[in-house]
Amino acid sequence: MRPTQLLLKSGRSAWKGPYFVAFPQLREALDNHVPIKTQARACSILPAFVGIRFLVHNGRDHVPVMVSQDMVGHKLGEFAPTKKCFSSLRRGGRRQSARCAGPRGCYRRRGRAGSR
């Protein structure tokens, strides 16, 4: 097995090889440090992409992703999150988590439902 195939092992069959998109502006990105805008989240990161900045679409806007050696073999979409991070809400002067939004849904204050 070739060393590149060992690096790029993924869920695909070995005879198919990694899935990647041919980026026509790859040479320009290497020379002028111009980011490559793409919507190909399923594209595998190849060793040739190290040091290149991609703008990966997350469904709403393009997220900058700088490719490092540790990212080789992963997908571009793994580094552009599509959902917001968990944040706590502030209601009524107290801090509550988004999961604990109201008096009926709050398990922390009263214990589990049915137990008193």
PDB file of N, CA and C in Angstrom:
ATOM      1  N   MET A   1       0.847  -1.175   0.000  1.00  0.00           N
ATOM      2  CA  MET A   1       0.000   0.000   0.000  1.00  0.00           C
ATOM      3  C   MET A   1       0.891   1.236   0.000  1.00  0.00           C
ATOM      4  N   ARG A   2       0.515   2.221  -0.757  1.00  0.00           N
ATOM      5  CA  ARG A   2       1.304   3.439  -0.843  1.00  0.00           C
ATOM      6  C   ARG A   2       1.162   4.267   0.437  1.00  0.00           C
ATOM      7  N   PRO A   3       2.188   5.064   0.812  1.00  0.00           N
ATOM      8  CA  PRO A   3       2.114   5.842   2.052  1.00  0.00           C
ATOM      9  C   PRO A   3       0.986   6.873   2.037  1.00  0.00           C
ATOM     10  N   THR A   4       0.653   7.411   0.864  1.00  0.00           N
ATOM     11  CA  THR A   4      -0.433   8.389   0.793  1.00  0.00           C
ATOM     12  C   THR A   4      -1.767   7.729   1.110  1.00  0.00           C
ATOM     13  N   GLN A   5      -1.955   6.497   0.670  1.00  0.00           N
ATOM     14  CA  GLN A   5      -3.198   5.800   0.958  1.00  0.00           C
ATOM     15  C   GLN A   5      -3.330   5.496   2.450  1.00  0.00           C
ATOM     16  N   LEU A   6      -2.201   5.233   3.111  1.00  0.00           N
ATOM     17  CA  LEU A   6      -2.258   5.011   4.551  1.00  0.00           C
ATOM     18  C   LEU A   6      -2.671   6.279   5.281  1.00  0.00           C
ATOM     19  N   LEU A   7      -2.178   7.410   4.784  1.00  0.00           N
ATOM     20  CA  LEU A   7      -2.520   8.691   5.395  1.00  0.00           C
ATOM     21  C   LEU A   7      -3.982   9.048   5.176  1.00  0.00           C
ATOM     22  N   LEU A   8      -4.501   8.750   4.016  1.00  0.00           N
ATOM     23  CA  LEU A   8      -5.833   9.187   3.632  1.00  0.00           C
ATOM     24  C   LEU A   8      -6.881   8.104   3.813  1.00  0.00           C
ATOM     25  N   LYS A   9      -6.656   7.186   4.714  1.00  0.00           N
ATOM     26  CA  LYS A   9      -7.618   6.128   4.961  1.00  0.00           C
ATOM     27  C   LYS A   9      -8.916   6.740   5.461  1.00  0.00           C
ATOM     28  N   SER A  10     -10.020   6.356   4.888  1.00  0.00           N
ATOM     29  CA  SER A  10     -11.310   6.875   5.341  1.00  0.00           C
ATOM     30  C   SER A  10     -12.361   5.808   5.107  1.00  0.00           C
ATOM     31  N   GLY A  11     -13.613   6.185   5.090  1.00  0.00           N
ATOM     32  CA  GLY A  11     -14.702   5.249   4.944  1.00  0.00           C
ATOM     33  C   GLY A  11     -14.840   4.695   3.539  1.00  0.00           C
ATOM     34  N   ARG A  12     -14.088   5.217   2.603  1.00  0.00           N
ATOM     35  CA  ARG A  12     -14.197   4.730   1.230  1.00  0.00           C
ATOM     36  C   ARG A  12     -13.334   3.489   1.024  1.00  0.00           C
ATOM     37  N   SER A  13     -13.637   2.762  -0.034  1.00  0.00           N
ATOM     38  CA  SER A  13     -12.831   1.596  -0.384  1.00  0.00           C
ATOM     39  C   SER A  13     -11.440   2.047  -0.826  1.00  0.00           C
ATOM     40  N   ALA A  14     -10.461   1.183  -0.617  1.00  0.00           N
ATOM     41  CA  ALA A  14      -9.091   1.526  -0.968  1.00  0.00           C
ATOM     42  C   ALA A  14      -8.930   1.691  -2.482  1.00  0.00           C
ATOM     43  N   TRP A  15      -9.648   0.905  -3.269  1.00  0.00           N
ATOM     44  CA  TRP A  15      -9.481   0.991  -4.712  1.00  0.00           C
ATOM     45  C   TRP A  15     -10.121   2.252  -5.266  1.00  0.00           C
ATOM     46  N   LYS A  16     -11.061   2.873  -4.546  1.00  0.00           N
ATOM     47  CA  LYS A  16     -11.674   4.114  -5.030  1.00  0.00           C
ATOM     48  C   LYS A  16     -10.769   5.312  -4.775  1.00  0.00           C
ATOM     49  N   GLY A  17     -10.018   5.288  -3.687  1.00  0.00           N
ATOM     50  CA  GLY A  17      -9.170   6.424  -3.346  1.00  0.00           C
ATOM     51  C   GLY A  17      -9.966   7.512  -2.653  1.00  0.00           C
ATOM     52  N   PRO A  18      -9.305   8.576  -2.223  1.00  0.00           N
ATOM     53  CA  PRO A  18     -10.006   9.642  -1.502  1.00  0.00           C
ATOM     54  C   PRO A  18     -10.854  10.484  -2.451  1.00  0.00           C
ATOM     55  N   TYR A  19     -11.945  11.032  -1.923  1.00  0.00           N
ATOM     56  CA  TYR A  19     -12.790  11.927  -2.709  1.00  0.00           C
ATOM     57  C   TYR A  19     -12.236  13.337  -2.576  1.00  0.00           C
ATOM     58  N   PHE A  20     -11.959  13.977  -3.683  1.00  0.00           N
ATOM     59  CA  PHE A  20     -11.515  15.360  -3.648  1.00  0.00           C
ATOM     60  C   PHE A  20     -12.005  16.076  -4.894  1.00  0.00           C
ATOM     61  N   VAL A  21     -12.048  17.386  -4.799  1.00  0.00           N
ATOM     62  CA  VAL A  21     -12.494  18.236  -5.888  1.00  0.00           C
ATOM     63  C   VAL A  21     -11.266  18.914  -6.471  1.00  0.00           C
ATOM     64  N   ALA A  22     -11.204  18.988  -7.787  1.00  0.00           N
ATOM     65  CA  ALA A  22     -10.093  19.683  -8.431  1.00  0.00           C
ATOM     66  C   ALA A  22     -10.338  21.191  -8.327  1.00  0.00           C
ATOM     67  N   PHE A  23      -9.445  21.878  -7.633  1.00  0.00           N
ATOM     68  CA  PHE A  23      -9.565  23.325  -7.468  1.00  0.00           C
ATOM     69  C   PHE A  23      -8.690  24.001  -8.519  1.00  0.00           C
ATOM     70  N   PRO A  24      -9.289  24.695  -9.504  1.00  0.00           N
ATOM     71  CA  PRO A  24      -8.478  25.316 -10.557  1.00  0.00           C
ATOM     72  C   PRO A  24      -7.598  26.451 -10.034  1.00  0.00           C
ATOM     73  N   GLN A  25      -7.983  27.092  -8.940  1.00  0.00           N
ATOM     74  CA  GLN A  25      -7.204  28.208  -8.410  1.00  0.00           C
ATOM     75  C   GLN A  25      -6.201  27.765  -7.337  1.00  0.00           C
ATOM     76  N   LEU A  26      -5.860  26.483  -7.303  1.00  0.00           N
ATOM     77  CA  LEU A  26      -4.945  25.958  -6.296  1.00  0.00           C
ATOM     78  C   LEU A  26      -3.539  26.553  -6.438  1.00  0.00           C
ATOM     79  N   ARG A  27      -3.055  26.670  -7.663  1.00  0.00           N
ATOM     80  CA  ARG A  27      -1.715  27.216  -7.905  1.00  0.00           C
ATOM     81  C   ARG A  27      -1.645  28.687  -7.470  1.00  0.00           C
ATOM     82  N   GLU A  28      -2.696  29.435  -7.774  1.00  0.00           N
ATOM     83  CA  GLU A  28      -2.734  30.848  -7.377  1.00  0.00           C
ATOM     84  C   GLU A  28      -2.777  30.988  -5.852  1.00  0.00           C
ATOM     85  N   ALA A  29      -3.500  30.083  -5.200  1.00  0.00           N
ATOM     86  CA  ALA A  29      -3.591  30.129  -3.738  1.00  0.00           C
ATOM     87  C   ALA A  29      -2.241  29.829  -3.091  1.00  0.00           C
ATOM     88  N   LEU A  30      -1.482  28.933  -3.680  1.00  0.00           N
ATOM     89  CA  LEU A  30      -0.150  28.623  -3.153  1.00  0.00           C
ATOM     90  C   LEU A  30       0.812  29.785  -3.337  1.00  0.00           C
ATOM     91  N   ASP A  31       0.737  30.448  -4.496  1.00  0.00           N
ATOM     92  CA  ASP A  31       1.683  31.528  -4.797  1.00  0.00           C
ATOM     93  C   ASP A  31       1.330  32.834  -4.086  1.00  0.00           C
ATOM     94  N   ASN A  32       0.053  33.225  -4.135  1.00  0.00           N
ATOM     95  CA  ASN A  32      -0.350  34.552  -3.644  1.00  0.00           C
ATOM     96  C   ASN A  32      -1.076  34.529  -2.307  1.00  0.00           C
ATOM     97  N   HIS A  33      -1.229  33.363  -1.694  1.00  0.00           N
ATOM     98  CA  HIS A  33      -1.930  33.211  -0.409  1.00  0.00           C
ATOM     99  C   HIS A  33      -3.369  33.725  -0.485  1.00  0.00           C
ATOM    100  N   VAL A  34      -4.036  33.436  -1.593  1.00  0.00           N
ATOM    101  CA  VAL A  34      -5.441  33.810  -1.774  1.00  0.00           C
ATOM    102  C   VAL A  34      -6.304  32.644  -1.293  1.00  0.00           C
ATOM    103  N   PRO A  35      -7.330  32.890  -0.470  1.00  0.00           N
ATOM    104  CA  PRO A  35      -8.174  31.775  -0.012  1.00  0.00           C
ATOM    105  C   PRO A  35      -9.034  31.220  -1.141  1.00  0.00           C
ATOM    106  N   ILE A  36      -9.297  29.923  -1.075  1.00  0.00           N
ATOM    107  CA  ILE A  36     -10.136  29.242  -2.063  1.00  0.00           C
ATOM    108  C   ILE A  36     -11.534  29.098  -1.483  1.00  0.00           C
ATOM    109  N   LYS A  37     -12.522  29.664  -2.142  1.00  0.00           N
ATOM    110  CA  LYS A  37     -13.904  29.591  -1.681  1.00  0.00           C
ATOM    111  C   LYS A  37     -14.536  28.320  -2.253  1.00  0.00           C
ATOM    112  N   THR A  38     -15.111  27.488  -1.374  1.00  0.00           N
ATOM    113  CA  THR A  38     -15.677  26.218  -1.822  1.00  0.00           C
ATOM    114  C   THR A  38     -16.918  25.843  -1.018  1.00  0.00           C
ATOM    115  N   GLN A  39     -17.761  25.028  -1.635  1.00  0.00           N
ATOM    116  CA  GLN A  39     -18.907  24.439  -0.955  1.00  0.00           C
ATOM    117  C   GLN A  39     -18.742  22.935  -0.823  1.00  0.00           C
ATOM    118  N   ALA A  40     -17.597  22.421  -1.232  1.00  0.00           N
ATOM    119  CA  ALA A  40     -17.331  20.986  -1.196  1.00  0.00           C
ATOM    120  C   ALA A  40     -16.875  20.582   0.197  1.00  0.00           C
ATOM    121  N   ARG A  41     -17.831  20.354   1.103  1.00  0.00           N
ATOM    122  CA  ARG A  41     -17.508  19.982   2.478  1.00  0.00           C
ATOM    123  C   ARG A  41     -17.020  18.541   2.567  1.00  0.00           C
ATOM    124  N   ALA A  42     -17.384  17.698   1.605  1.00  0.00           N
ATOM    125  CA  ALA A  42     -17.019  16.282   1.631  1.00  0.00           C
ATOM    126  C   ALA A  42     -15.650  16.011   1.018  1.00  0.00           C
ATOM    127  N   CYS A  43     -14.976  17.033   0.561  1.00  0.00           N
ATOM    128  CA  CYS A  43     -13.668  16.882  -0.077  1.00  0.00           C
ATOM    129  C   CYS A  43     -12.616  16.484   0.958  1.00  0.00           C
ATOM    130  N   SER A  44     -11.853  15.439   0.657  1.00  0.00           N
ATOM    131  CA  SER A  44     -10.769  15.015   1.548  1.00  0.00           C
ATOM    132  C   SER A  44      -9.602  15.984   1.433  1.00  0.00           C
ATOM    133  N   ILE A  45      -8.928  16.212   2.555  1.00  0.00           N
ATOM    134  CA  ILE A  45      -7.771  17.105   2.558  1.00  0.00           C
ATOM    135  C   ILE A  45      -6.542  16.297   2.183  1.00  0.00           C
ATOM    136  N   LEU A  46      -5.880  16.704   1.119  1.00  0.00           N
ATOM    137  CA  LEU A  46      -4.694  16.023   0.607  1.00  0.00           C
ATOM    138  C   LEU A  46      -3.435  16.683   1.147  1.00  0.00           C
ATOM    139  N   PRO A  47      -2.292  15.993   1.125  1.00  0.00           N
ATOM    140  CA  PRO A  47      -1.045  16.603   1.584  1.00  0.00           C
ATOM    141  C   PRO A  47      -0.659  17.849   0.786  1.00  0.00           C
ATOM    142  N   ALA A  48      -1.130  17.967  -0.448  1.00  0.00           N
ATOM    143  CA  ALA A  48      -0.814  19.151  -1.261  1.00  0.00           C
ATOM    144  C   ALA A  48      -1.551  20.392  -0.777  1.00  0.00           C
ATOM    145  N   PHE A  49      -2.587  20.230   0.046  1.00  0.00           N
ATOM    146  CA  PHE A  49      -3.385  21.361   0.528  1.00  0.00           C
ATOM    147  C   PHE A  49      -2.807  22.010   1.783  1.00  0.00           C
ATOM    148  N   VAL A  50      -1.738  21.468   2.343  1.00  0.00           N
ATOM    149  CA  VAL A  50      -1.171  21.995   3.587  1.00  0.00           C
ATOM    150  C   VAL A  50      -0.655  23.414   3.350  1.00  0.00           C
ATOM    151  N   GLY A  51      -1.091  24.331   4.209  1.00  0.00           N
ATOM    152  CA  GLY A  51      -0.667  25.725   4.105  1.00  0.00           C
ATOM    153  C   GLY A  51      -1.626  26.592   3.315  1.00  0.00           C
ATOM    154  N   ILE A  52      -2.672  26.022   2.769  1.00  0.00           N
ATOM    155  CA  ILE A  52      -3.641  26.774   1.972  1.00  0.00           C
ATOM    156  C   ILE A  52      -4.828  27.138   2.846  1.00  0.00           C
ATOM    157  N   ARG A  53      -5.365  28.324   2.636  1.00  0.00           N
ATOM    158  CA  ARG A  53      -6.554  28.770   3.357  1.00  0.00           C
ATOM    159  C   ARG A  53      -7.775  28.548   2.470  1.00  0.00           C
ATOM    160  N   PHE A  54      -8.774  27.847   3.031  1.00  0.00           N
ATOM    161  CA  PHE A  54     -10.035  27.602   2.345  1.00  0.00           C
ATOM    162  C   PHE A  54     -11.137  28.401   3.021  1.00  0.00           C
ATOM    163  N   LEU A  55     -12.136  28.794   2.260  1.00  0.00           N
ATOM    164  CA  LEU A  55     -13.352  29.381   2.798  1.00  0.00           C
ATOM    165  C   LEU A  55     -14.449  28.349   2.562  1.00  0.00           C
ATOM    166  N   VAL A  56     -14.790  27.588   3.602  1.00  0.00           N
ATOM    167  CA  VAL A  56     -15.714  26.462   3.492  1.00  0.00           C
ATOM    168  C   VAL A  56     -17.116  26.931   3.863  1.00  0.00           C
ATOM    169  N   HIS A  57     -18.088  26.610   3.034  1.00  0.00           N
ATOM    170  CA  HIS A  57     -19.469  27.025   3.269  1.00  0.00           C
ATOM    171  C   HIS A  57     -20.094  26.167   4.364  1.00  0.00           C
ATOM    172  N   ASN A  58     -20.759  26.819   5.338  1.00  0.00           N
ATOM    173  CA  ASN A  58     -21.377  26.071   6.426  1.00  0.00           C
ATOM    174  C   ASN A  58     -22.897  26.118   6.370  1.00  0.00           C
ATOM    175  N   GLY A  59     -23.457  26.564   5.260  1.00  0.00           N
ATOM    176  CA  GLY A  59     -24.898  26.650   5.112  1.00  0.00           C
ATOM    177  C   GLY A  59     -25.396  28.078   5.143  1.00  0.00           C
ATOM    178  N   ARG A  60     -24.631  28.946   5.772  1.00  0.00           N
ATOM    179  CA  ARG A  60     -25.018  30.348   5.858  1.00  0.00           C
ATOM    180  C   ARG A  60     -23.947  31.272   5.287  1.00  0.00           C
ATOM    181  N   ASP A  61     -22.715  31.065   5.678  1.00  0.00           N
ATOM    182  CA  ASP A  61     -21.623  31.882   5.172  1.00  0.00           C
ATOM    183  C   ASP A  61     -20.377  31.008   5.031  1.00  0.00           C
ATOM    184  N   HIS A  62     -19.275  31.607   4.624  1.00  0.00           N
ATOM    185  CA  HIS A  62     -18.037  30.863   4.425  1.00  0.00           C
ATOM    186  C   HIS A  62     -17.121  31.050   5.633  1.00  0.00           C
ATOM    187  N   VAL A  63     -16.665  29.934   6.186  1.00  0.00           N
ATOM    188  CA  VAL A  63     -15.816  29.922   7.375  1.00  0.00           C
ATOM    189  C   VAL A  63     -14.366  29.712   6.934  1.00  0.00           C
ATOM    190  N   PRO A  64     -13.419  30.555   7.399  1.00  0.00           N
ATOM    191  CA  PRO A  64     -12.024  30.350   7.011  1.00  0.00           C
ATOM    192  C   PRO A  64     -11.411  29.131   7.703  1.00  0.00           C
ATOM    193  N   VAL A  65     -10.734  28.305   6.912  1.00  0.00           N
ATOM    194  CA  VAL A  65     -10.068  27.106   7.427  1.00  0.00           C
ATOM    195  C   VAL A  65      -8.645  27.101   6.877  1.00  0.00           C
ATOM    196  N   MET A  66      -7.676  27.144   7.774  1.00  0.00           N
ATOM    197  CA  MET A  66      -6.274  27.064   7.384  1.00  0.00           C
ATOM    198  C   MET A  66      -5.829  25.616   7.557  1.00  0.00           C
ATOM    199  N   VAL A  67      -5.389  24.980   6.492  1.00  0.00           N
ATOM    200  CA  VAL A  67      -5.057  23.558   6.514  1.00  0.00           C
ATOM    201  C   VAL A  67      -3.664  23.350   7.092  1.00  0.00           C
ATOM    202  N   SER A  68      -3.571  22.460   8.079  1.00  0.00           N
ATOM    203  CA  SER A  68      -2.280  22.097   8.671  1.00  0.00           C
ATOM    204  C   SER A  68      -2.014  20.613   8.411  1.00  0.00           C
ATOM    205  N   GLN A  69      -0.856  20.153   8.812  1.00  0.00           N
ATOM    206  CA  GLN A  69      -0.465  18.756   8.567  1.00  0.00           C
ATOM    207  C   GLN A  69      -1.369  17.785   9.324  1.00  0.00           C
ATOM    208  N   ASP A  70      -1.874  18.186  10.478  1.00  0.00           N
ATOM    209  CA  ASP A  70      -2.738  17.306  11.274  1.00  0.00           C
ATOM    210  C   ASP A  70      -4.096  17.073  10.623  1.00  0.00           C
ATOM    211  N   MET A  71      -4.508  17.929   9.693  1.00  0.00           N
ATOM    212  CA  MET A  71      -5.821  17.822   9.056  1.00  0.00           C
ATOM    213  C   MET A  71      -5.836  16.879   7.854  1.00  0.00           C
ATOM    214  N   VAL A  72      -4.672  16.424   7.416  1.00  0.00           N
ATOM    215  CA  VAL A  72      -4.583  15.582   6.222  1.00  0.00           C
ATOM    216  C   VAL A  72      -5.350  14.281   6.462  1.00  0.00           C
ATOM    217  N   GLY A  73      -6.223  13.948   5.519  1.00  0.00           N
ATOM    218  CA  GLY A  73      -7.023  12.738   5.614  1.00  0.00           C
ATOM    219  C   GLY A  73      -8.431  12.994   6.112  1.00  0.00           C
ATOM    220  N   HIS A  74      -8.673  14.149   6.710  1.00  0.00           N
ATOM    221  CA  HIS A  74     -10.012  14.502   7.176  1.00  0.00           C
ATOM    222  C   HIS A  74     -10.769  15.204   6.054  1.00  0.00           C
ATOM    223  N   LYS A  75     -12.010  15.559   6.311  1.00  0.00           N
ATOM    224  CA  LYS A  75     -12.840  16.274   5.337  1.00  0.00           C
ATOM    225  C   LYS A  75     -12.824  17.761   5.657  1.00  0.00           C
ATOM    226  N   LEU A  76     -13.027  18.610   4.640  1.00  0.00           N
ATOM    227  CA  LEU A  76     -13.063  20.052   4.852  1.00  0.00           C
ATOM    228  C   LEU A  76     -14.223  20.455   5.750  1.00  0.00           C
ATOM    229  N   GLY A  77     -15.343  19.761   5.638  1.00  0.00           N
ATOM    230  CA  GLY A  77     -16.521  20.106   6.412  1.00  0.00           C
ATOM    231  C   GLY A  77     -16.381  19.874   7.899  1.00  0.00           C
ATOM    232  N   GLU A  78     -15.412  19.076   8.323  1.00  0.00           N
ATOM    233  CA  GLU A  78     -15.211  18.818   9.746  1.00  0.00           C
ATOM    234  C   GLU A  78     -14.724  20.056  10.488  1.00  0.00           C
ATOM    235  N   PHE A  79     -14.172  21.015   9.774  1.00  0.00           N
ATOM    236  CA  PHE A  79     -13.576  22.186  10.403  1.00  0.00           C
ATOM    237  C   PHE A  79     -14.414  23.443  10.208  1.00  0.00           C
ATOM    238  N   ALA A  80     -15.624  23.295   9.676  1.00  0.00           N
ATOM    239  CA  ALA A  80     -16.554  24.407   9.519  1.00  0.00           C
ATOM    240  C   ALA A  80     -17.882  24.003  10.154  1.00  0.00           C
ATOM    241  N   PRO A  81     -18.077  24.318  11.441  1.00  0.00           N
ATOM    242  CA  PRO A  81     -19.294  23.871  12.128  1.00  0.00           C
ATOM    243  C   PRO A  81     -20.549  24.499  11.522  1.00  0.00           C
ATOM    244  N   THR A  82     -21.605  23.703  11.458  1.00  0.00           N
ATOM    245  CA  THR A  82     -22.852  24.163  10.857  1.00  0.00           C
ATOM    246  C   THR A  82     -23.854  24.637  11.892  1.00  0.00           C
ATOM    247  N   LYS A  83     -23.633  24.329  13.144  1.00  0.00           N
ATOM    248  CA  LYS A  83     -24.566  24.721  14.200  1.00  0.00           C
ATOM    249  C   LYS A  83     -23.877  25.648  15.187  1.00  0.00           C
ATOM    250  N   LYS A  84     -24.694  26.453  15.867  1.00  0.00           N
ATOM    251  CA  LYS A  84     -24.147  27.358  16.870  1.00  0.00           C
ATOM    252  C   LYS A  84     -23.726  26.571  18.098  1.00  0.00           C
ATOM    253  N   CYS A  85     -22.772  27.116  18.831  1.00  0.00           N
ATOM    254  CA  CYS A  85     -22.322  26.497  20.067  1.00  0.00           C
ATOM    255  C   CYS A  85     -23.353  26.718  21.159  1.00  0.00           C
ATOM    256  N   PHE A  86     -23.315  25.883  22.177  1.00  0.00           N
ATOM    257  CA  PHE A  86     -24.217  26.016  23.308  1.00  0.00           C
ATOM    258  C   PHE A  86     -23.904  27.301  24.051  1.00  0.00           C
ATOM    259  N   SER A  87     -24.939  28.056  24.390  1.00  0.00           N
ATOM    260  CA  SER A  87     -24.749  29.262  25.185  1.00  0.00           C
ATOM    261  C   SER A  87     -25.865  29.357  26.206  1.00  0.00           C
ATOM    262  N   SER A  88     -25.573  29.948  27.345  1.00  0.00           N
ATOM    263  CA  SER A  88     -26.586  30.068  28.374  1.00  0.00           C
ATOM    264  C   SER A  88     -27.412  31.325  28.132  1.00  0.00           C
ATOM    265  N   LEU A  89     -28.675  31.271  28.488  1.00  0.00           N
ATOM    266  CA  LEU A  89     -29.583  32.394  28.312  1.00  0.00           C
ATOM    267  C   LEU A  89     -29.728  33.152  29.620  1.00  0.00           C
ATOM    268  N   ARG A  90     -30.116  34.381  29.533  1.00  0.00           N
ATOM    269  CA  ARG A  90     -30.318  35.183  30.731  1.00  0.00           C
ATOM    270  C   ARG A  90     -31.780  35.626  30.755  1.00  0.00           C
ATOM    271  N   ARG A  91     -32.520  35.129  31.725  1.00  0.00           N
ATOM    272  CA  ARG A  91     -33.936  35.470  31.848  1.00  0.00           C
ATOM    273  C   ARG A  91     -34.242  35.860  33.283  1.00  0.00           C
ATOM    274  N   GLY A  92     -34.909  36.965  33.453  1.00  0.00           N
ATOM    275  CA  GLY A  92     -35.336  37.381  34.782  1.00  0.00           C
ATOM    276  C   GLY A  92     -34.198  37.675  35.735  1.00  0.00           C
ATOM    277  N   GLY A  93     -33.066  38.095  35.228  1.00  0.00           N
ATOM    278  CA  GLY A  93     -31.951  38.432  36.103  1.00  0.00           C
ATOM    279  C   GLY A  93     -31.138  37.238  36.553  1.00  0.00           C
ATOM    280  N   ARG A  94     -31.584  36.020  36.254  1.00  0.00           N
ATOM    281  CA  ARG A  94     -30.836  34.817  36.637  1.00  0.00           C
ATOM    282  C   ARG A  94     -30.253  34.180  35.393  1.00  0.00           C
ATOM    283  N   ARG A  95     -29.258  33.407  35.621  1.00  0.00           N
ATOM    284  CA  ARG A  95     -28.631  32.712  34.509  1.00  0.00           C
ATOM    285  C   ARG A  95     -29.197  31.312  34.427  1.00  0.00           C
ATOM    286  N   GLN A  96     -29.757  30.964  33.277  1.00  0.00           N
ATOM    287  CA  GLN A  96     -30.282  29.617  33.061  1.00  0.00           C
ATOM    288  C   GLN A  96     -29.686  29.078  31.773  1.00  0.00           C
ATOM    289  N   SER A  97     -29.585  27.782  31.707  1.00  0.00           N
ATOM    290  CA  SER A  97     -29.074  27.203  30.474  1.00  0.00           C
ATOM    291  C   SER A  97     -30.204  27.143  29.456  1.00  0.00           C
ATOM    292  N   ALA A  98     -29.859  27.001  28.202  1.00  0.00           N
ATOM    293  CA  ALA A  98     -30.867  26.946  27.147  1.00  0.00           C
ATOM    294  C   ALA A  98     -31.731  25.698  27.291  1.00  0.00           C
ATOM    295  N   ARG A  99     -31.187  24.647  27.884  1.00  0.00           N
ATOM    296  CA  ARG A  99     -31.944  23.417  28.083  1.00  0.00           C
ATOM    297  C   ARG A  99     -32.968  23.583  29.204  1.00  0.00           C
ATOM    298  N   CYS A 100     -32.661  24.401  30.154  1.00  0.00           N
ATOM    299  CA  CYS A 100     -33.502  24.615  31.321  1.00  0.00           C
ATOM    300  C   CYS A 100     -34.245  25.936  31.137  1.00  0.00           C
ATOM    301  N   ALA A 101     -35.159  25.994  30.181  1.00  0.00           N
ATOM    302  CA  ALA A 101     -35.730  27.265  29.755  1.00  0.00           C
ATOM    303  C   ALA A 101     -36.878  27.759  30.621  1.00  0.00           C
ATOM    304  N   GLY A 102     -37.663  26.888  31.208  1.00  0.00           N
ATOM    305  CA  GLY A 102     -38.820  27.356  31.954  1.00  0.00           C
ATOM    306  C   GLY A 102     -39.024  26.580  33.231  1.00  0.00           C
ATOM    307  N   PRO A 103     -40.054  26.946  34.025  1.00  0.00           N
ATOM    308  CA  PRO A 103     -40.269  26.261  35.297  1.00  0.00           C
ATOM    309  C   PRO A 103     -40.678  24.806  35.127  1.00  0.00           C
ATOM    310  N   ARG A 104     -41.321  24.437  34.028  1.00  0.00           N
ATOM    311  CA  ARG A 104     -41.734  23.042  33.836  1.00  0.00           C
ATOM    312  C   ARG A 104     -40.602  22.183  33.292  1.00  0.00           C
ATOM    313  N   GLY A 105     -39.672  22.780  32.580  1.00  0.00           N
ATOM    314  CA  GLY A 105     -38.593  22.016  31.980  1.00  0.00           C
ATOM    315  C   GLY A 105     -37.346  21.955  32.818  1.00  0.00           C
ATOM    316  N   CYS A 106     -37.364  22.566  33.990  1.00  0.00           N
ATOM    317  CA  CYS A 106     -36.157  22.654  34.797  1.00  0.00           C
ATOM    318  C   CYS A 106     -36.064  21.455  35.747  1.00  0.00           C
ATOM    319  N   TYR A 107     -35.092  20.592  35.540  1.00  0.00           N
ATOM    320  CA  TYR A 107     -34.896  19.431  36.399  1.00  0.00           C
ATOM    321  C   TYR A 107     -33.939  19.749  37.530  1.00  0.00           C
ATOM    322  N   ARG A 108     -33.173  20.778  37.412  1.00  0.00           N
ATOM    323  CA  ARG A 108     -32.160  21.075  38.418  1.00  0.00           C
ATOM    324  C   ARG A 108     -32.781  21.580  39.718  1.00  0.00           C
ATOM    325  N   ARG A 109     -33.820  22.388  39.605  1.00  0.00           N
ATOM    326  CA  ARG A 109     -34.408  22.996  40.785  1.00  0.00           C
ATOM    327  C   ARG A 109     -35.272  22.020  41.562  1.00  0.00           C
ATOM    328  N   ARG A 110     -36.106  21.266  40.862  1.00  0.00           N
ATOM    329  CA  ARG A 110     -37.097  20.429  41.525  1.00  0.00           C
ATOM    330  C   ARG A 110     -36.767  18.949  41.495  1.00  0.00           C
ATOM    331  N   GLY A 111     -35.696  18.571  40.920  1.00  0.00           N
ATOM    332  CA  GLY A 111     -35.416  17.152  40.773  1.00  0.00           C
ATOM    333  C   GLY A 111     -36.163  16.606  39.564  1.00  0.00           C
ATOM    334  N   ARG A 112     -36.199  15.308  39.425  1.00  0.00           N
ATOM    335  CA  ARG A 112     -36.891  14.705  38.286  1.00  0.00           C
ATOM    336  C   ARG A 112     -38.392  14.858  38.433  1.00  0.00           C
ATOM    337  N   ALA A 113     -39.098  14.826  37.315  1.00  0.00           N
ATOM    338  CA  ALA A 113     -40.548  14.985  37.323  1.00  0.00           C
ATOM    339  C   ALA A 113     -41.179  13.825  38.094  1.00  0.00           C
ATOM    340  N   GLY A 114     -42.088  14.123  39.008  1.00  0.00           N
ATOM    341  CA  GLY A 114     -42.763  13.092  39.779  1.00  0.00           C
ATOM    342  C   GLY A 114     -42.137  12.828  41.128  1.00  0.00           C
ATOM    343  N   SER A 115     -40.902  13.236  41.339  1.00  0.00           N
ATOM    344  CA  SER A 115     -40.270  13.006  42.642  1.00  0.00           C
ATOM    345  C   SER A 115     -40.283  14.301  43.442  1.00  0.00           C
ATOM    346  N   ARG A 116     -40.774  14.246  44.641  1.00  0.00           N
ATOM    347  CA  ARG A 116     -40.845  15.441  45.496  1.00  0.00           C
ATOM    348  C   ARG A 116     -40.161  15.197  46.805  1.00  0.00           C
TER     349      ARG A 116
END
